[in-house]
Amino acid sequence: MTIAIKDLLSLVFSFVGIIFILFLTYYGTKWLSKKANFTVSSQYINIVDRIVLGQNKYLAIVEITNKYYLLSITDESINIIKELDDFKIKPKENINQDMEFKKLFSKIMKK
């Protein structure tokens, strides 16, 4: 009987430990992302949008002193494809990313 209790306690502590590590990981990455975004910001240059075309190949729209440029970015080079004269930024949709994560996580946990 005592072996079963020890096994049960071991299982419960393992489960609590895993939950604790998941919470630490979630809040740790959230904290790190805020710190990383702060250190990478620039006063005159802003990446408005980017899309991945392949491994280490991107297209990006960059704002430099209120002018917009379409750039191609690879491991070897960065090239200006075109200056975008009539480019206007779409207003951002109000999406709460934390809520989206919570909804997705709860869907996964239900399965």
PDB file of N, CA and C in Angstrom:
ATOM      1  N   MET A   1       0.817  -1.197   0.000  1.00  0.00           N
ATOM      2  CA  MET A   1       0.000   0.000   0.000  1.00  0.00           C
ATOM      3  C   MET A   1       0.863   1.263   0.000  1.00  0.00           C
ATOM      4  N   THR A   2       1.950   1.258   0.744  1.00  0.00           N
ATOM      5  CA  THR A   2       2.811   2.443   0.809  1.00  0.00           C
ATOM      6  C   THR A   2       3.509   2.710  -0.517  1.00  0.00           C
ATOM      7  N   ILE A   3       3.756   1.660  -1.302  1.00  0.00           N
ATOM      8  CA  ILE A   3       4.378   1.861  -2.617  1.00  0.00           C
ATOM      9  C   ILE A   3       3.416   2.592  -3.535  1.00  0.00           C
ATOM     10  N   ALA A   4       2.151   2.271  -3.483  1.00  0.00           N
ATOM     11  CA  ALA A   4       1.149   2.927  -4.309  1.00  0.00           C
ATOM     12  C   ALA A   4       1.023   4.399  -3.933  1.00  0.00           C
ATOM     13  N   ILE A   5       1.085   4.724  -2.657  1.00  0.00           N
ATOM     14  CA  ILE A   5       0.999   6.121  -2.209  1.00  0.00           C
ATOM     15  C   ILE A   5       2.227   6.890  -2.680  1.00  0.00           C
ATOM     16  N   LYS A   6       3.407   6.262  -2.588  1.00  0.00           N
ATOM     17  CA  LYS A   6       4.625   6.921  -3.058  1.00  0.00           C
ATOM     18  C   LYS A   6       4.562   7.176  -4.559  1.00  0.00           C
ATOM     19  N   ASP A   7       4.056   6.215  -5.314  1.00  0.00           N
ATOM     20  CA  ASP A   7       3.926   6.379  -6.756  1.00  0.00           C
ATOM     21  C   ASP A   7       2.933   7.488  -7.092  1.00  0.00           C
ATOM     22  N   LEU A   8       1.838   7.534  -6.364  1.00  0.00           N
ATOM     23  CA  LEU A   8       0.828   8.559  -6.588  1.00  0.00           C
ATOM     24  C   LEU A   8       1.388   9.945  -6.267  1.00  0.00           C
ATOM     25  N   LEU A   9       2.093  10.066  -5.139  1.00  0.00           N
ATOM     26  CA  LEU A   9       2.699  11.353  -4.784  1.00  0.00           C
ATOM     27  C   LEU A   9       3.750  11.768  -5.811  1.00  0.00           C
ATOM     28  N   SER A  10       4.526  10.830  -6.285  1.00  0.00           N
ATOM     29  CA  SER A  10       5.529  11.113  -7.305  1.00  0.00           C
ATOM     30  C   SER A  10       4.868  11.613  -8.586  1.00  0.00           C
ATOM     31  N   LEU A  11       3.769  11.005  -8.972  1.00  0.00           N
ATOM     32  CA  LEU A  11       3.024  11.414 -10.156  1.00  0.00           C
ATOM     33  C   LEU A  11       2.453  12.819  -9.997  1.00  0.00           C
ATOM     34  N   VAL A  12       1.875  13.099  -8.829  1.00  0.00           N
ATOM     35  CA  VAL A  12       1.290  14.422  -8.576  1.00  0.00           C
ATOM     36  C   VAL A  12       2.380  15.497  -8.595  1.00  0.00           C
ATOM     37  N   PHE A  13       3.513  15.251  -7.927  1.00  0.00           N
ATOM     38  CA  PHE A  13       4.602  16.242  -7.918  1.00  0.00           C
ATOM     39  C   PHE A  13       5.183  16.443  -9.317  1.00  0.00           C
ATOM     40  N   SER A  14       5.276  15.391 -10.103  1.00  0.00           N
ATOM     41  CA  SER A  14       5.768  15.520 -11.471  1.00  0.00           C
ATOM     42  C   SER A  14       4.819  16.372 -12.306  1.00  0.00           C
ATOM     43  N   PHE A  15       3.528  16.132 -12.159  1.00  0.00           N
ATOM     44  CA  PHE A  15       2.521  16.897 -12.889  1.00  0.00           C
ATOM     45  C   PHE A  15       2.560  18.371 -12.488  1.00  0.00           C
ATOM     46  N   VAL A  16       2.641  18.654 -11.199  1.00  0.00           N
ATOM     47  CA  VAL A  16       2.725  20.041 -10.713  1.00  0.00           C
ATOM     48  C   VAL A  16       4.012  20.691 -11.227  1.00  0.00           C
ATOM     49  N   GLY A  17       5.109  19.959 -11.250  1.00  0.00           N
ATOM     50  CA  GLY A  17       6.374  20.487 -11.757  1.00  0.00           C
ATOM     51  C   GLY A  17       6.298  20.845 -13.226  1.00  0.00           C
ATOM     52  N   ILE A  18       5.652  20.006 -14.028  1.00  0.00           N
ATOM     53  CA  ILE A  18       5.505  20.283 -15.457  1.00  0.00           C
ATOM     54  C   ILE A  18       4.642  21.517 -15.672  1.00  0.00           C
ATOM     55  N   ILE A  19       3.547  21.638 -14.934  1.00  0.00           N
ATOM     56  CA  ILE A  19       2.677  22.821 -15.042  1.00  0.00           C
ATOM     57  C   ILE A  19       3.471  24.081 -14.666  1.00  0.00           C
ATOM     58  N   PHE A  20       4.260  24.000 -13.605  1.00  0.00           N
ATOM     59  CA  PHE A  20       5.068  25.136 -13.164  1.00  0.00           C
ATOM     60  C   PHE A  20       6.071  25.534 -14.244  1.00  0.00           C
ATOM     61  N   ILE A  21       6.719  24.579 -14.866  1.00  0.00           N
ATOM     62  CA  ILE A  21       7.693  24.867 -15.932  1.00  0.00           C
ATOM     63  C   ILE A  21       6.998  25.485 -17.139  1.00  0.00           C
ATOM     64  N   LEU A  22       5.802  25.024 -17.479  1.00  0.00           N
ATOM     65  CA  LEU A  22       5.056  25.620 -18.592  1.00  0.00           C
ATOM     66  C   LEU A  22       4.717  27.086 -18.320  1.00  0.00           C
ATOM     67  N   PHE A  23       4.269  27.390 -17.109  1.00  0.00           N
ATOM     68  CA  PHE A  23       3.965  28.775 -16.759  1.00  0.00           C
ATOM     69  C   PHE A  23       5.228  29.638 -16.786  1.00  0.00           C
ATOM     70  N   LEU A  24       6.339  29.122 -16.257  1.00  0.00           N
ATOM     71  CA  LEU A  24       7.598  29.867 -16.296  1.00  0.00           C
ATOM     72  C   LEU A  24       8.039  30.136 -17.737  1.00  0.00           C
ATOM     73  N   THR A  25       7.896  29.145 -18.580  1.00  0.00           N
ATOM     74  CA  THR A  25       8.272  29.291 -19.988  1.00  0.00           C
ATOM     75  C   THR A  25       7.399  30.340 -20.672  1.00  0.00           C
ATOM     76  N   TYR A  26       6.102  30.286 -20.450  1.00  0.00           N
ATOM     77  CA  TYR A  26       5.184  31.240 -21.070  1.00  0.00           C
ATOM     78  C   TYR A  26       5.500  32.671 -20.650  1.00  0.00           C
ATOM     79  N   TYR A  27       5.586  32.913 -19.347  1.00  0.00           N
ATOM     80  CA  TYR A  27       5.834  34.273 -18.882  1.00  0.00           C
ATOM     81  C   TYR A  27       7.271  34.715 -19.146  1.00  0.00           C
ATOM     82  N   GLY A  28       8.213  33.789 -19.164  1.00  0.00           N
ATOM     83  CA  GLY A  28       9.598  34.127 -19.483  1.00  0.00           C
ATOM     84  C   GLY A  28       9.752  34.570 -20.926  1.00  0.00           C
ATOM     85  N   THR A  29       9.112  33.871 -21.857  1.00  0.00           N
ATOM     86  CA  THR A  29       9.197  34.267 -23.264  1.00  0.00           C
ATOM     87  C   THR A  29       8.450  35.567 -23.511  1.00  0.00           C
ATOM     88  N   LYS A  30       7.367  35.778 -22.792  1.00  0.00           N
ATOM     89  CA  LYS A  30       6.633  37.041 -22.913  1.00  0.00           C
ATOM     90  C   LYS A  30       7.510  38.210 -22.451  1.00  0.00           C
ATOM     91  N   TRP A  31       8.209  38.025 -21.349  1.00  0.00           N
ATOM     92  CA  TRP A  31       9.101  39.055 -20.810  1.00  0.00           C
ATOM     93  C   TRP A  31      10.273  39.295 -21.758  1.00  0.00           C
ATOM     94  N   LEU A  32      10.849  38.214 -22.286  1.00  0.00           N
ATOM     95  CA  LEU A  32      11.980  38.353 -23.204  1.00  0.00           C
ATOM     96  C   LEU A  32      11.586  39.051 -24.502  1.00  0.00           C
ATOM     97  N   SER A  33      10.390  38.773 -25.007  1.00  0.00           N
ATOM     98  CA  SER A  33       9.962  39.415 -26.249  1.00  0.00           C
ATOM     99  C   SER A  33       9.799  40.921 -26.068  1.00  0.00           C
ATOM    100  N   LYS A  34       9.331  41.341 -24.911  1.00  0.00           N
ATOM    101  CA  LYS A  34       9.222  42.778 -24.644  1.00  0.00           C
ATOM    102  C   LYS A  34      10.602  43.417 -24.589  1.00  0.00           C
ATOM    103  N   LYS A  35      11.561  42.753 -23.960  1.00  0.00           N
ATOM    104  CA  LYS A  35      12.926  43.283 -23.869  1.00  0.00           C
ATOM    105  C   LYS A  35      13.587  43.313 -25.228  1.00  0.00           C
ATOM    106  N   ALA A  36      13.382  42.289 -26.045  1.00  0.00           N
ATOM    107  CA  ALA A  36      14.003  42.219 -27.372  1.00  0.00           C
ATOM    108  C   ALA A  36      13.444  43.291 -28.293  1.00  0.00           C
ATOM    109  N   ASN A  37      12.143  43.539 -28.248  1.00  0.00           N
ATOM    110  CA  ASN A  37      11.537  44.577 -29.084  1.00  0.00           C
ATOM    111  C   ASN A  37      12.039  45.955 -28.683  1.00  0.00           C
ATOM    112  N   PHE A  38      12.317  46.150 -27.416  1.00  0.00           N
ATOM    113  CA  PHE A  38      12.794  47.446 -26.951  1.00  0.00           C
ATOM    114  C   PHE A  38      14.198  47.724 -27.458  1.00  0.00           C
ATOM    115  N   THR A  39      15.063  46.722 -27.468  1.00  0.00           N
ATOM    116  CA  THR A  39      16.453  46.933 -27.854  1.00  0.00           C
ATOM    117  C   THR A  39      16.635  47.033 -29.357  1.00  0.00           C
ATOM    118  N   VAL A  40      15.700  46.523 -30.159  1.00  0.00           N
ATOM    119  CA  VAL A  40      15.848  46.520 -31.606  1.00  0.00           C
ATOM    120  C   VAL A  40      15.203  47.746 -32.247  1.00  0.00           C
ATOM    121  N   SER A  41      14.511  48.551 -31.501  1.00  0.00           N
ATOM    122  CA  SER A  41      13.805  49.680 -32.080  1.00  0.00           C
ATOM    123  C   SER A  41      14.789  50.745 -32.573  1.00  0.00           C
ATOM    124  N   SER A  42      14.334  51.496 -33.567  1.00  0.00           N
ATOM    125  CA  SER A  42      15.152  52.540 -34.167  1.00  0.00           C
ATOM    126  C   SER A  42      14.323  53.813 -34.293  1.00  0.00           C
ATOM    127  N   GLN A  43      15.000  54.923 -34.276  1.00  0.00           N
ATOM    128  CA  GLN A  43      14.296  56.206 -34.357  1.00  0.00           C
ATOM    129  C   GLN A  43      13.906  56.548 -35.795  1.00  0.00           C
ATOM    130  N   TYR A  44      14.712  56.139 -36.788  1.00  0.00           N
ATOM    131  CA  TYR A  44      14.481  56.555 -38.164  1.00  0.00           C
ATOM    132  C   TYR A  44      14.108  55.426 -39.112  1.00  0.00           C
ATOM    133  N   ILE A  45      14.295  54.187 -38.703  1.00  0.00           N
ATOM    134  CA  ILE A  45      14.020  53.053 -39.582  1.00  0.00           C
ATOM    135  C   ILE A  45      13.001  52.136 -38.910  1.00  0.00           C
ATOM    136  N   ASN A  46      11.978  51.724 -39.686  1.00  0.00           N
ATOM    137  CA  ASN A  46      10.931  50.857 -39.160  1.00  0.00           C
ATOM    138  C   ASN A  46      10.579  49.816 -40.220  1.00  0.00           C
ATOM    139  N   ILE A  47      10.581  48.533 -39.851  1.00  0.00           N
ATOM    140  CA  ILE A  47      10.121  47.489 -40.766  1.00  0.00           C
ATOM    141  C   ILE A  47       8.607  47.415 -40.632  1.00  0.00           C
ATOM    142  N   VAL A  48       7.917  47.814 -41.695  1.00  0.00           N
ATOM    143  CA  VAL A  48       6.459  47.874 -41.687  1.00  0.00           C
ATOM    144  C   VAL A  48       5.865  46.478 -41.849  1.00  0.00           C
ATOM    145  N   ASP A  49       6.411  45.706 -42.796  1.00  0.00           N
ATOM    146  CA  ASP A  49       5.896  44.371 -43.048  1.00  0.00           C
ATOM    147  C   ASP A  49       6.991  43.550 -43.705  1.00  0.00           C
ATOM    148  N   ARG A  50       6.914  42.225 -43.555  1.00  0.00           N
ATOM    149  CA  ARG A  50       7.864  41.338 -44.220  1.00  0.00           C
ATOM    150  C   ARG A  50       7.198  40.001 -44.464  1.00  0.00           C
ATOM    151  N   ILE A  51       7.717  39.319 -45.478  1.00  0.00           N
ATOM    152  CA  ILE A  51       7.195  38.002 -45.819  1.00  0.00           C
ATOM    153  C   ILE A  51       8.382  37.104 -46.170  1.00  0.00           C
ATOM    154  N   VAL A  52       8.300  35.855 -45.733  1.00  0.00           N
ATOM    155  CA  VAL A  52       9.351  34.882 -46.001  1.00  0.00           C
ATOM    156  C   VAL A  52       9.077  34.239 -47.354  1.00  0.00           C
ATOM    157  N   LEU A  53      10.085  34.264 -48.228  1.00  0.00           N
ATOM    158  CA  LEU A  53       9.952  33.643 -49.541  1.00  0.00           C
ATOM    159  C   LEU A  53      10.602  32.263 -49.594  1.00  0.00           C
ATOM    160  N   GLY A  54      11.557  32.047 -48.757  1.00  0.00           N
ATOM    161  CA  GLY A  54      12.273  30.776 -48.704  1.00  0.00           C
ATOM    162  C   GLY A  54      13.223  30.838 -47.528  1.00  0.00           C
ATOM    163  N   GLN A  55      14.103  29.845 -47.449  1.00  0.00           N
ATOM    164  CA  GLN A  55      15.051  29.834 -46.341  1.00  0.00           C
ATOM    165  C   GLN A  55      15.996  31.019 -46.481  1.00  0.00           C
ATOM    166  N   ASN A  56      15.967  31.910 -45.495  1.00  0.00           N
ATOM    167  CA  ASN A  56      16.813  33.110 -45.445  1.00  0.00           C
ATOM    168  C   ASN A  56      16.580  34.057 -46.617  1.00  0.00           C
ATOM    169  N   LYS A  57      15.355  34.118 -47.129  1.00  0.00           N
ATOM    170  CA  LYS A  57      14.996  35.039 -48.209  1.00  0.00           C
ATOM    171  C   LYS A  57      13.693  35.730 -47.850  1.00  0.00           C
ATOM    172  N   TYR A  58      13.712  37.051 -47.871  1.00  0.00           N
ATOM    173  CA  TYR A  58      12.560  37.833 -47.429  1.00  0.00           C
ATOM    174  C   TYR A  58      12.293  38.982 -48.385  1.00  0.00           C
ATOM    175  N   LEU A  59      11.051  39.432 -48.404  1.00  0.00           N
ATOM    176  CA  LEU A  59      10.680  40.725 -48.951  1.00  0.00           C
ATOM    177  C   LEU A  59      10.218  41.559 -47.772  1.00  0.00           C
ATOM    178  N   ALA A  60      10.613  42.822 -47.745  1.00  0.00           N
ATOM    179  CA  ALA A  60      10.232  43.674 -46.619  1.00  0.00           C
ATOM    180  C   ALA A  60       9.863  45.058 -47.118  1.00  0.00           C
ATOM    181  N   ILE A  61       8.889  45.647 -46.462  1.00  0.00           N
ATOM    182  CA  ILE A  61       8.561  47.057 -46.672  1.00  0.00           C
ATOM    183  C   ILE A  61       9.129  47.804 -45.480  1.00  0.00           C
ATOM    184  N   VAL A  62       9.998  48.767 -45.777  1.00  0.00           N
ATOM    185  CA  VAL A  62      10.724  49.485 -44.738  1.00  0.00           C
ATOM    186  C   VAL A  62      10.438  50.975 -44.864  1.00  0.00           C
ATOM    187  N   GLU A  63      10.193  51.602 -43.707  1.00  0.00           N
ATOM    188  CA  GLU A  63      10.009  53.055 -43.663  1.00  0.00           C
ATOM    189  C   GLU A  63      11.315  53.681 -43.173  1.00  0.00           C
ATOM    190  N   ILE A  64      11.875  54.559 -44.000  1.00  0.00           N
ATOM    191  CA  ILE A  64      13.094  55.286 -43.636  1.00  0.00           C
ATOM    192  C   ILE A  64      12.811  56.762 -43.830  1.00  0.00           C
ATOM    193  N   THR A  65      12.795  57.500 -42.735  1.00  0.00           N
ATOM    194  CA  THR A  65      12.491  58.942 -42.712  1.00  0.00           C
ATOM    195  C   THR A  65      11.267  59.281 -43.568  1.00  0.00           C
ATOM    196  N   ASN A  66      10.153  58.614 -43.263  1.00  0.00           N
ATOM    197  CA  ASN A  66       8.848  58.843 -43.886  1.00  0.00           C
ATOM    198  C   ASN A  66       8.778  58.495 -45.365  1.00  0.00           C
ATOM    199  N   LYS A  67       9.711  57.712 -45.871  1.00  0.00           N
ATOM    200  CA  LYS A  67       9.646  57.168 -47.227  1.00  0.00           C
ATOM    201  C   LYS A  67       9.642  55.649 -47.104  1.00  0.00           C
ATOM    202  N   TYR A  68       8.897  55.002 -47.997  1.00  0.00           N
ATOM    203  CA  TYR A  68       8.750  53.560 -47.943  1.00  0.00           C
ATOM    204  C   TYR A  68       9.497  52.902 -49.097  1.00  0.00           C
ATOM    205  N   TYR A  69      10.159  51.776 -48.791  1.00  0.00           N
ATOM    206  CA  TYR A  69      10.945  51.048 -49.775  1.00  0.00           C
ATOM    207  C   TYR A  69      10.595  49.570 -49.706  1.00  0.00           C
ATOM    208  N   LEU A  70      10.599  48.905 -50.874  1.00  0.00           N
ATOM    209  CA  LEU A  70      10.457  47.458 -50.946  1.00  0.00           C
ATOM    210  C   LEU A  70      11.863  46.880 -51.063  1.00  0.00           C
ATOM    211  N   LEU A  71      12.254  46.039 -50.099  1.00  0.00           N
ATOM    212  CA  LEU A  71      13.595  45.477 -50.054  1.00  0.00           C
ATOM    213  C   LEU A  71      13.547  43.970 -50.255  1.00  0.00           C
ATOM    214  N   SER A  72      14.602  43.460 -50.899  1.00  0.00           N
ATOM    215  CA  SER A  72      14.814  42.010 -50.915  1.00  0.00           C
ATOM    216  C   SER A  72      15.992  41.730 -49.994  1.00  0.00           C
ATOM    217  N   ILE A  73      15.821  40.759 -49.114  1.00  0.00           N
ATOM    218  CA  ILE A  73      16.833  40.466 -48.099  1.00  0.00           C
ATOM    219  C   ILE A  73      17.215  38.994 -48.211  1.00  0.00           C
ATOM    220  N   THR A  74      18.517  38.738 -48.386  1.00  0.00           N
ATOM    221  CA  THR A  74      19.057  37.380 -48.391  1.00  0.00           C
ATOM    222  C   THR A  74      20.256  37.357 -47.455  1.00  0.00           C
ATOM    223  N   ASP A  75      20.890  36.183 -47.332  1.00  0.00           N
ATOM    224  CA  ASP A  75      22.095  36.088 -46.510  1.00  0.00           C
ATOM    225  C   ASP A  75      23.232  36.925 -47.080  1.00  0.00           C
ATOM    226  N   GLU A  76      23.291  37.020 -48.399  1.00  0.00           N
ATOM    227  CA  GLU A  76      24.404  37.702 -49.046  1.00  0.00           C
ATOM    228  C   GLU A  76      24.194  39.199 -49.239  1.00  0.00           C
ATOM    229  N   SER A  77      22.932  39.646 -49.368  1.00  0.00           N
ATOM    230  CA  SER A  77      22.725  41.059 -49.709  1.00  0.00           C
ATOM    231  C   SER A  77      21.353  41.558 -49.292  1.00  0.00           C
ATOM    232  N   ILE A  78      21.253  42.875 -49.300  1.00  0.00           N
ATOM    233  CA  ILE A  78      19.984  43.576 -49.122  1.00  0.00           C
ATOM    234  C   ILE A  78      19.886  44.571 -50.263  1.00  0.00           C
ATOM    235  N   ASN A  79      18.816  44.478 -51.063  1.00  0.00           N
ATOM    236  CA  ASN A  79      18.665  45.337 -52.240  1.00  0.00           C
ATOM    237  C   ASN A  79      17.348  46.085 -52.183  1.00  0.00           C
ATOM    238  N   ILE A  80      17.384  47.341 -52.623  1.00  0.00           N
ATOM    239  CA  ILE A  80      16.156  48.124 -52.770  1.00  0.00           C
ATOM    240  C   ILE A  80      15.557  47.757 -54.114  1.00  0.00           C
ATOM    241  N   ILE A  81      14.367  47.199 -54.090  1.00  0.00           N
ATOM    242  CA  ILE A  81      13.692  46.843 -55.342  1.00  0.00           C
ATOM    243  C   ILE A  81      12.995  48.067 -55.910  1.00  0.00           C
ATOM    244  N   LYS A  82      12.302  48.790 -55.026  1.00  0.00           N
ATOM    245  CA  LYS A  82      11.523  49.929 -55.510  1.00  0.00           C
ATOM    246  C   LYS A  82      11.207  50.871 -54.356  1.00  0.00           C
ATOM    247  N   GLU A  83      11.166  52.164 -54.644  1.00  0.00           N
ATOM    248  CA  GLU A  83      10.657  53.125 -53.672  1.00  0.00           C
ATOM    249  C   GLU A  83       9.151  53.190 -53.866  1.00  0.00           C
ATOM    250  N   LEU A  84       8.407  53.039 -52.789  1.00  0.00           N
ATOM    251  CA  LEU A  84       6.947  53.016 -52.848  1.00  0.00           C
ATOM    252  C   LEU A  84       6.422  54.425 -52.575  1.00  0.00           C
ATOM    253  N   ASP A  85       6.090  55.138 -53.639  1.00  0.00           N
ATOM    254  CA  ASP A  85       5.694  56.537 -53.511  1.00  0.00           C
ATOM    255  C   ASP A  85       4.313  56.715 -52.885  1.00  0.00           C
ATOM    256  N   ASP A  86       3.348  55.922 -53.321  1.00  0.00           N
ATOM    257  CA  ASP A  86       1.966  56.096 -52.866  1.00  0.00           C
ATOM    258  C   ASP A  86       1.557  55.058 -51.828  1.00  0.00           C
ATOM    259  N   PHE A  87       2.503  54.558 -51.049  1.00  0.00           N
ATOM    260  CA  PHE A  87       2.199  53.511 -50.071  1.00  0.00           C
ATOM    261  C   PHE A  87       1.555  54.112 -48.831  1.00  0.00           C
ATOM    262  N   LYS A  88       0.479  53.460 -48.375  1.00  0.00           N
ATOM    263  CA  LYS A  88      -0.200  53.881 -47.144  1.00  0.00           C
ATOM    264  C   LYS A  88      -0.379  52.652 -46.265  1.00  0.00           C
ATOM    265  N   ILE A  89      -0.127  52.822 -44.988  1.00  0.00           N
ATOM    266  CA  ILE A  89      -0.258  51.720 -44.036  1.00  0.00           C
ATOM    267  C   ILE A  89      -1.723  51.509 -43.706  1.00  0.00           C
ATOM    268  N   LYS A  90      -2.156  50.229 -43.739  1.00  0.00           N
ATOM    269  CA  LYS A  90      -3.518  49.901 -43.321  1.00  0.00           C
ATOM    270  C   LYS A  90      -3.599  50.037 -41.807  1.00  0.00           C
ATOM    271  N   PRO A  91      -4.730  50.472 -41.288  1.00  0.00           N
ATOM    272  CA  PRO A  91      -4.863  50.505 -39.825  1.00  0.00           C
ATOM    273  C   PRO A  91      -4.823  49.092 -39.262  1.00  0.00           C
ATOM    274  N   LYS A  92      -4.136  48.943 -38.136  1.00  0.00           N
ATOM    275  CA  LYS A  92      -4.011  47.631 -37.514  1.00  0.00           C
ATOM    276  C   LYS A  92      -5.331  47.209 -36.917  1.00  0.00           C
ATOM    277  N   GLU A  93      -5.630  45.916 -37.070  1.00  0.00           N
ATOM    278  CA  GLU A  93      -6.823  45.366 -36.441  1.00  0.00           C
ATOM    279  C   GLU A  93      -6.520  45.148 -34.972  1.00  0.00           C
ATOM    280  N   ASN A  94      -7.493  45.365 -34.156  1.00  0.00           N
ATOM    281  CA  ASN A  94      -7.320  45.207 -32.707  1.00  0.00           C
ATOM    282  C   ASN A  94      -7.473  43.743 -32.330  1.00  0.00           C
ATOM    283  N   ILE A  95      -6.370  43.008 -32.346  1.00  0.00           N
ATOM    284  CA  ILE A  95      -6.396  41.598 -31.972  1.00  0.00           C
ATOM    285  C   ILE A  95      -5.572  41.448 -30.708  1.00  0.00           C
ATOM    286  N   ASN A  96      -6.190  40.904 -29.700  1.00  0.00           N
ATOM    287  CA  ASN A  96      -5.486  40.645 -28.457  1.00  0.00           C
ATOM    288  C   ASN A  96      -4.800  39.295 -28.596  1.00  0.00           C
ATOM    289  N   GLN A  97      -3.482  39.312 -28.776  1.00  0.00           N
ATOM    290  CA  GLN A  97      -2.746  38.079 -29.027  1.00  0.00           C
ATOM    291  C   GLN A  97      -2.770  37.159 -27.820  1.00  0.00           C
ATOM    292  N   ASP A  98      -2.816  37.696 -26.622  1.00  0.00           N
ATOM    293  CA  ASP A  98      -2.883  36.849 -25.439  1.00  0.00           C
ATOM    294  C   ASP A  98      -4.163  36.030 -25.434  1.00  0.00           C
ATOM    295  N   MET A  99      -5.285  36.643 -25.792  1.00  0.00           N
ATOM    296  CA  MET A  99      -6.542  35.930 -25.817  1.00  0.00           C
ATOM    297  C   MET A  99      -6.532  34.867 -26.921  1.00  0.00           C
ATOM    298  N   GLU A 100      -5.936  35.189 -28.068  1.00  0.00           N
ATOM    299  CA  GLU A 100      -5.863  34.220 -29.145  1.00  0.00           C
ATOM    300  C   GLU A 100      -5.065  33.002 -28.696  1.00  0.00           C
ATOM    301  N   PHE A 101      -3.967  33.226 -27.983  1.00  0.00           N
ATOM    302  CA  PHE A 101      -3.164  32.116 -27.476  1.00  0.00           C
ATOM    303  C   PHE A 101      -3.970  31.282 -26.485  1.00  0.00           C
ATOM    304  N   LYS A 102      -4.689  31.945 -25.601  1.00  0.00           N
ATOM    305  CA  LYS A 102      -5.472  31.219 -24.607  1.00  0.00           C
ATOM    306  C   LYS A 102      -6.565  30.383 -25.262  1.00  0.00           C
ATOM    307  N   LYS A 103      -7.220  30.928 -26.299  1.00  0.00           N
ATOM    308  CA  LYS A 103      -8.255  30.171 -26.993  1.00  0.00           C
ATOM    309  C   LYS A 103      -7.651  28.955 -27.692  1.00  0.00           C
ATOM    310  N   LEU A 104      -6.524  29.158 -28.364  1.00  0.00           N
ATOM    311  CA  LEU A 104      -5.864  28.063 -29.058  1.00  0.00           C
ATOM    312  C   LEU A 104      -5.394  26.997 -28.077  1.00  0.00           C
ATOM    313  N   PHE A 105      -4.829  27.421 -26.967  1.00  0.00           N
ATOM    314  CA  PHE A 105      -4.344  26.483 -25.959  1.00  0.00           C
ATOM    315  C   PHE A 105      -5.489  25.672 -25.361  1.00  0.00           C
ATOM    316  N   SER A 106      -6.612  26.334 -25.094  1.00  0.00           N
ATOM    317  CA  SER A 106      -7.746  25.608 -24.519  1.00  0.00           C
ATOM    318  C   SER A 106      -8.345  24.628 -25.523  1.00  0.00           C
ATOM    319  N   LYS A 107      -8.334  24.965 -26.824  1.00  0.00           N
ATOM    320  CA  LYS A 107      -8.810  24.022 -27.839  1.00  0.00           C
ATOM    321  C   LYS A 107      -7.935  22.780 -27.870  1.00  0.00           C
ATOM    322  N   ILE A 108      -6.632  22.991 -27.786  1.00  0.00           N
ATOM    323  CA  ILE A 108      -5.693  21.859 -27.814  1.00  0.00           C
ATOM    324  C   ILE A 108      -5.869  20.996 -26.578  1.00  0.00           C
ATOM    325  N   MET A 109      -6.058  21.635 -25.431  1.00  0.00           N
ATOM    326  CA  MET A 109      -6.201  20.871 -24.177  1.00  0.00           C
ATOM    327  C   MET A 109      -7.501  20.060 -24.157  1.00  0.00           C
ATOM    328  N   LYS A 110      -8.553  20.532 -24.849  1.00  0.00           N
ATOM    329  CA  LYS A 110      -9.823  19.806 -24.890  1.00  0.00           C
ATOM    330  C   LYS A 110      -9.693  18.515 -25.675  1.00  0.00           C
ATOM    331  N   LYS A 111      -8.811  18.506 -26.679  1.00  0.00           N
ATOM    332  CA  LYS A 111      -8.615  17.303 -27.505  1.00  0.00           C
ATOM    333  C   LYS A 111      -7.794  16.348 -26.747  1.00  0.00           C
TER     334      LYS A 111
END
